Amino acid sequence: MEIELSGLLLIIVLGFIAAFIDAVVGGGGLISIPALLATGMSPATALGTNKLASSFGSFTSSMRFLRSRHVDFRMMMKLFPVSFVMSVLGALIAIRLPGEVLKPLVLLMLVIVLVYTLFKKDWGAIEKENILTPRKIAILIVFTVIIGFYDGFMGGGTGSFLMFLMLFTGFDFLRAAGNAKVINFGSNIGALMLFMTMGEVNYTYGLAMGASMILGSYTGAQLAISKGVGYVKVLFIFVTSILILKNIYDFLQGGI
């Protein structure tokens, strides 16, 4: 594939913006994947290249949240390998099964996430006492399996679903963002390894976008930490709303 300077500049700029948003609440793929497709890549290569770039971004924001102590390290290290393995399985099936089969379910889930967040006014404002009860461990593992698989299979909205899971189990918005990025890093590199073995990664574009995503992720995570819970909640609602509109558009374009 021929590399064009204009295409390279486009993905660098949009990669920064995507990573900035993704570092806080997820949803960066809404920007980065279309940017990669605009360069003329096949959908499979765009997904694989996005996983390469996103791995740089999610690693950077994970480290920033970890350093600021906004991650439950012990809990996330139990969930990280689960997310990794399930994303590999999801990416493997994605090669054989069209993503359209999950779109109606994804749309419904995003609507539920948004409505619940809007009506629970004080939800995520204060972190509840987090003790690793058997029930909480079971919920986290089951949904990490589902979301990790989904990220490898399709990906859109993964950050929002992970945030919702963390909020549901008692974390405030800021700590939920940190935990979500650690798990998302696991699913990113798991799917990436499979796409690499299938030869579906453009390393020139992926590394260029990855470099800009490092800066975008650090900036986004830093701003979230300095601005606090209220900022993250507003951005979470905004990005989830955009995800819903995007999924409605895709659903209607599919001929429904």
Protein backbone atom coordinates (compact mmCIF):
# COMPACT_ATOMS: atom_id res chain seq x y z
CA MET A 1 0.00 0.00 0.00
CA GLU A 2 1.42 3.41 -1.02
CA ILE A 3 1.98 5.85 1.85
CA GLU A 4 0.66 9.39 1.25
CA LEU A 5 1.85 12.35 3.33
CA SER A 6 -1.67 13.82 3.56
CA GLY A 7 -3.05 10.50 4.83
CA LEU A 8 -0.22 10.21 7.34
CA LEU A 9 -0.85 13.71 8.69
CA LEU A 10 -4.58 13.00 8.91
CA ILE A 11 -4.19 9.91 11.07
CA ILE A 12 -1.61 11.63 13.30
CA VAL A 13 -3.98 14.52 14.07
CA LEU A 14 -7.08 12.35 14.45
CA GLY A 15 -5.09 9.77 16.43
CA PHE A 16 -4.30 12.43 19.05
CA ILE A 17 -7.97 13.44 19.32
CA ALA A 18 -9.14 9.81 19.47
CA ALA A 19 -6.63 8.93 22.19
CA PHE A 20 -7.48 12.03 24.22
CA ILE A 21 -11.13 10.96 24.41
CA ASP A 22 -10.35 7.26 24.74
CA ALA A 23 -8.00 7.83 27.69
CA VAL A 24 -10.90 9.11 29.78
CA VAL A 25 -14.08 7.29 28.72
CA GLY A 26 -13.32 5.18 25.64
CA GLY A 27 -14.93 5.60 22.24
CA GLY A 28 -11.77 6.72 20.45
CA GLY A 29 -12.30 4.08 17.78
CA LEU A 30 -15.16 6.21 16.43
CA ILE A 31 -12.45 8.59 15.21
CA SER A 32 -9.38 6.43 14.60
CA ILE A 33 -10.95 3.58 12.59
CA PRO A 34 -12.71 5.85 10.02
CA ALA A 35 -9.44 7.83 9.73
CA LEU A 36 -7.56 4.63 8.85
CA LEU A 37 -10.27 3.51 6.43
CA ALA A 38 -9.99 6.90 4.70
CA THR A 39 -6.41 6.02 3.70
CA GLY A 40 -7.73 3.15 1.57
CA MET A 41 -7.07 0.24 3.92
CA SER A 42 -9.31 -2.80 3.95
CA PRO A 43 -11.61 -3.04 7.00
CA ALA A 44 -9.59 -5.92 8.48
CA THR A 45 -6.29 -4.05 8.10
CA ALA A 46 -7.84 -0.88 9.53
CA LEU A 47 -8.99 -2.83 12.60
CA GLY A 48 -5.58 -4.45 13.04
CA THR A 49 -3.72 -1.17 12.55
CA ASN A 50 -6.05 0.55 15.00
CA LYS A 51 -5.28 -2.12 17.61
CA LEU A 52 -1.55 -1.42 17.16
CA ALA A 53 -2.01 2.33 17.63
CA SER A 54 -4.58 1.92 20.42
CA SER A 55 -2.22 -0.34 22.35
CA PHE A 56 0.23 2.56 22.64
CA GLY A 57 -2.57 4.85 23.77
CA SER A 58 -4.15 2.51 26.31
CA PHE A 59 -0.73 1.63 27.76
CA THR A 60 0.14 5.31 28.21
CA SER A 61 -3.13 6.24 29.92
CA SER A 62 -2.99 3.08 32.06
CA MET A 63 0.46 4.06 33.34
CA ARG A 64 -0.69 7.61 34.08
CA PHE A 65 -3.70 6.41 36.07
CA LEU A 66 -1.55 3.83 37.87
CA ARG A 67 1.01 6.46 38.90
CA SER A 68 -1.73 8.68 40.28
CA ARG A 69 -3.17 5.71 42.23
CA HIS A 70 -6.50 5.76 40.41
CA VAL A 71 -6.38 2.01 39.65
CA ASP A 72 -7.27 -0.94 41.87
CA PHE A 73 -4.09 -2.76 40.86
CA ARG A 74 -4.78 -6.05 42.66
CA MET A 75 -8.23 -6.43 41.13
CA MET A 76 -7.19 -5.35 37.63
CA MET A 77 -4.28 -7.80 37.50
CA LYS A 78 -6.82 -10.60 37.97
CA LEU A 79 -8.96 -9.28 35.11
CA PHE A 80 -6.16 -8.32 32.70
CA PRO A 81 -5.38 -11.88 31.49
CA VAL A 82 -9.11 -12.61 31.15
CA SER A 83 -9.53 -9.60 28.87
CA PHE A 84 -6.43 -10.57 26.88
CA VAL A 85 -7.49 -14.16 26.18
CA MET A 86 -11.11 -13.31 25.35
CA SER A 87 -10.12 -10.57 22.89
CA VAL A 88 -7.97 -13.09 21.01
CA LEU A 89 -10.99 -15.39 20.71
CA GLY A 90 -13.17 -12.46 19.66
CA ALA A 91 -10.74 -11.37 16.94
CA LEU A 92 -10.48 -14.96 15.71
CA ILE A 93 -14.26 -15.18 15.28
CA ALA A 94 -14.41 -11.66 13.78
CA ILE A 95 -12.45 -12.95 10.81
CA ARG A 96 -15.21 -15.48 10.10
CA LEU A 97 -18.39 -13.74 11.28
CA PRO A 98 -19.72 -10.29 10.22
CA GLY A 99 -19.94 -7.70 13.03
CA GLU A 100 -23.51 -6.79 11.97
CA VAL A 101 -24.90 -9.69 13.98
CA LEU A 102 -24.08 -7.88 17.23
CA LYS A 103 -25.04 -4.31 16.27
CA PRO A 104 -28.67 -4.39 17.52
CA LEU A 105 -27.54 -5.76 20.90
CA VAL A 106 -24.72 -3.20 21.17
CA LEU A 107 -27.16 -0.37 20.46
CA LEU A 108 -29.56 -1.58 23.15
CA MET A 109 -26.76 -1.92 25.70
CA LEU A 110 -25.46 1.60 25.00
CA VAL A 111 -28.94 3.07 25.46
CA ILE A 112 -29.29 1.29 28.82
CA VAL A 113 -25.86 2.57 29.91
CA LEU A 114 -26.77 6.17 29.00
CA VAL A 115 -30.25 6.15 30.57
CA TYR A 116 -28.99 4.58 33.79
CA THR A 117 -26.16 7.14 34.06
CA LEU A 118 -28.47 10.10 33.42
CA PHE A 119 -31.09 9.04 35.99
CA LYS A 120 -28.62 8.04 38.70
CA LYS A 121 -27.62 11.62 39.50
CA ASP A 122 -25.10 10.80 42.25
CA TRP A 123 -23.81 7.63 40.59
CA GLY A 124 -20.02 7.58 40.39
CA ALA A 125 -19.66 10.79 42.41
CA ILE A 126 -18.29 9.03 45.47
CA GLU A 127 -16.49 5.70 45.55
CA LYS A 128 -18.15 3.06 47.67
CA GLU A 129 -16.22 0.70 49.91
CA ASN A 130 -14.66 -1.84 47.57
CA ILE A 131 -14.16 -5.24 49.15
CA LEU A 132 -13.54 -8.20 46.88
CA THR A 133 -16.64 -10.20 47.75
CA PRO A 134 -17.30 -13.44 45.82
CA ARG A 135 -20.33 -11.81 44.18
CA LYS A 136 -18.34 -8.81 42.99
CA ILE A 137 -15.51 -11.00 41.69
CA ALA A 138 -18.04 -13.13 39.78
CA ILE A 139 -19.67 -10.04 38.19
CA LEU A 140 -16.32 -8.56 37.19
CA ILE A 141 -15.03 -11.80 35.68
CA VAL A 142 -18.22 -12.62 33.76
CA PHE A 143 -18.52 -9.17 32.22
CA THR A 144 -14.78 -8.88 31.54
CA VAL A 145 -15.11 -12.13 29.56
CA ILE A 146 -18.01 -10.67 27.54
CA ILE A 147 -16.48 -7.22 26.98
CA GLY A 148 -13.00 -8.60 26.22
CA PHE A 149 -14.51 -10.92 23.60
CA TYR A 150 -16.55 -8.04 22.18
CA ASP A 151 -13.49 -5.78 21.90
CA GLY A 152 -11.64 -8.37 19.84
CA PHE A 153 -14.74 -9.11 17.77
CA MET A 154 -16.00 -5.58 17.05
CA GLY A 155 -14.75 -3.01 19.54
CA GLY A 156 -17.01 0.03 19.24
CA GLY A 157 -18.08 1.22 22.69
CA THR A 158 -15.73 -1.04 24.66
CA GLY A 159 -14.53 1.83 26.84
CA SER A 160 -18.10 2.82 27.72
CA PHE A 161 -19.02 -0.75 28.66
CA LEU A 162 -15.90 -1.12 30.82
CA MET A 163 -16.62 2.20 32.53
CA PHE A 164 -20.19 1.08 33.23
CA LEU A 165 -18.95 -2.19 34.70
CA MET A 166 -16.55 -0.38 37.03
CA LEU A 167 -19.19 2.15 38.08
CA PHE A 168 -21.69 -0.64 38.72
CA THR A 169 -19.28 -2.33 41.10
CA GLY A 170 -18.82 0.84 43.17
CA PHE A 171 -15.96 2.91 41.75
CA ASP A 172 -16.23 6.66 41.16
CA PHE A 173 -15.89 7.97 37.58
CA LEU A 174 -12.19 8.78 37.85
CA ARG A 175 -11.14 5.43 39.33
CA ALA A 176 -13.49 3.63 36.94
CA ALA A 177 -11.67 5.31 34.04
CA GLY A 178 -8.29 4.12 35.34
CA ASN A 179 -9.47 0.54 35.88
CA ALA A 180 -11.16 0.46 32.47
CA LYS A 181 -7.96 1.52 30.66
CA VAL A 182 -5.93 -1.28 32.24
CA ILE A 183 -8.45 -3.91 31.12
CA ASN A 184 -8.77 -2.26 27.71
CA PHE A 185 -5.00 -2.45 27.25
CA GLY A 186 -5.24 -6.20 27.79
CA SER A 187 -7.93 -6.61 25.14
CA ASN A 188 -6.05 -4.33 22.73
CA ILE A 189 -2.82 -6.30 22.77
CA GLY A 190 -4.64 -9.64 22.70
CA ALA A 191 -6.51 -8.78 19.49
CA LEU A 192 -3.39 -7.08 18.08
CA MET A 193 -1.35 -10.28 18.34
CA LEU A 194 -3.91 -12.16 16.28
CA PHE A 195 -4.17 -9.43 13.63
CA MET A 196 -0.37 -9.41 13.38
CA THR A 197 -0.22 -13.15 12.77
CA MET A 198 -2.87 -12.72 10.04
CA GLY A 199 -0.83 -9.97 8.35
CA GLU A 200 -3.60 -7.41 8.87
CA VAL A 201 -1.50 -4.56 10.32
CA ASN A 202 -0.04 -1.56 8.46
CA TYR A 203 2.99 -0.77 10.61
CA THR A 204 3.84 2.60 9.04
CA TYR A 205 0.41 4.09 9.69
CA GLY A 206 -0.02 2.17 12.94
CA LEU A 207 3.24 3.38 14.49
CA ALA A 208 2.65 6.98 13.30
CA MET A 209 -0.83 7.01 14.82
CA GLY A 210 0.49 5.21 17.90
CA ALA A 211 3.04 7.99 18.50
CA SER A 212 0.33 10.65 18.41
CA MET A 213 -1.89 8.47 20.61
CA ILE A 214 0.79 8.37 23.30
CA LEU A 215 0.63 12.16 23.55
CA GLY A 216 -3.18 12.23 23.30
CA SER A 217 -3.62 9.55 25.95
CA TYR A 218 -1.27 11.23 28.39
CA THR A 219 -2.96 14.60 27.89
CA GLY A 220 -6.46 13.12 28.29
CA ALA A 221 -5.59 11.15 31.41
CA GLN A 222 -3.79 14.14 32.94
CA LEU A 223 -6.78 16.42 32.34
CA ALA A 224 -9.18 13.84 33.81
CA ILE A 225 -7.07 13.53 36.94
CA SER A 226 -6.78 17.29 37.38
CA LYS A 227 -10.44 18.09 36.57
CA GLY A 228 -11.89 15.23 38.61
CA VAL A 229 -15.06 13.13 38.62
CA GLY A 230 -17.47 15.74 37.24
CA TYR A 231 -15.45 16.25 34.05
CA VAL A 232 -15.22 12.50 33.40
CA LYS A 233 -18.96 12.01 33.91
CA VAL A 234 -19.89 14.75 31.41
CA LEU A 235 -17.48 13.34 28.80
CA PHE A 236 -18.77 9.82 29.44
CA ILE A 237 -22.38 10.88 28.77
CA PHE A 238 -21.35 12.83 25.65
CA VAL A 239 -19.29 10.01 24.11
CA THR A 240 -21.92 7.36 24.91
CA SER A 241 -24.55 9.53 23.19
CA ILE A 242 -22.35 9.82 20.10
CA LEU A 243 -21.81 6.06 20.12
CA ILE A 244 -25.58 5.52 20.18
CA LEU A 245 -26.13 7.89 17.24
CA LYS A 246 -23.30 6.23 15.30
CA ASN A 247 -24.77 2.76 15.90
CA ILE A 248 -28.26 3.93 14.90
CA TYR A 249 -26.83 5.35 11.66
CA ASP A 250 -24.91 2.14 10.90
CA PHE A 251 -27.99 0.06 11.72
CA LEU A 252 -30.20 2.06 9.34
CA GLN A 253 -27.53 2.03 6.63
CA GLY A 254 -27.59 -1.73 6.84
CA GLY A 255 -30.98 -1.72 5.21
CA ILE A 256 -33.29 -2.05 8.19
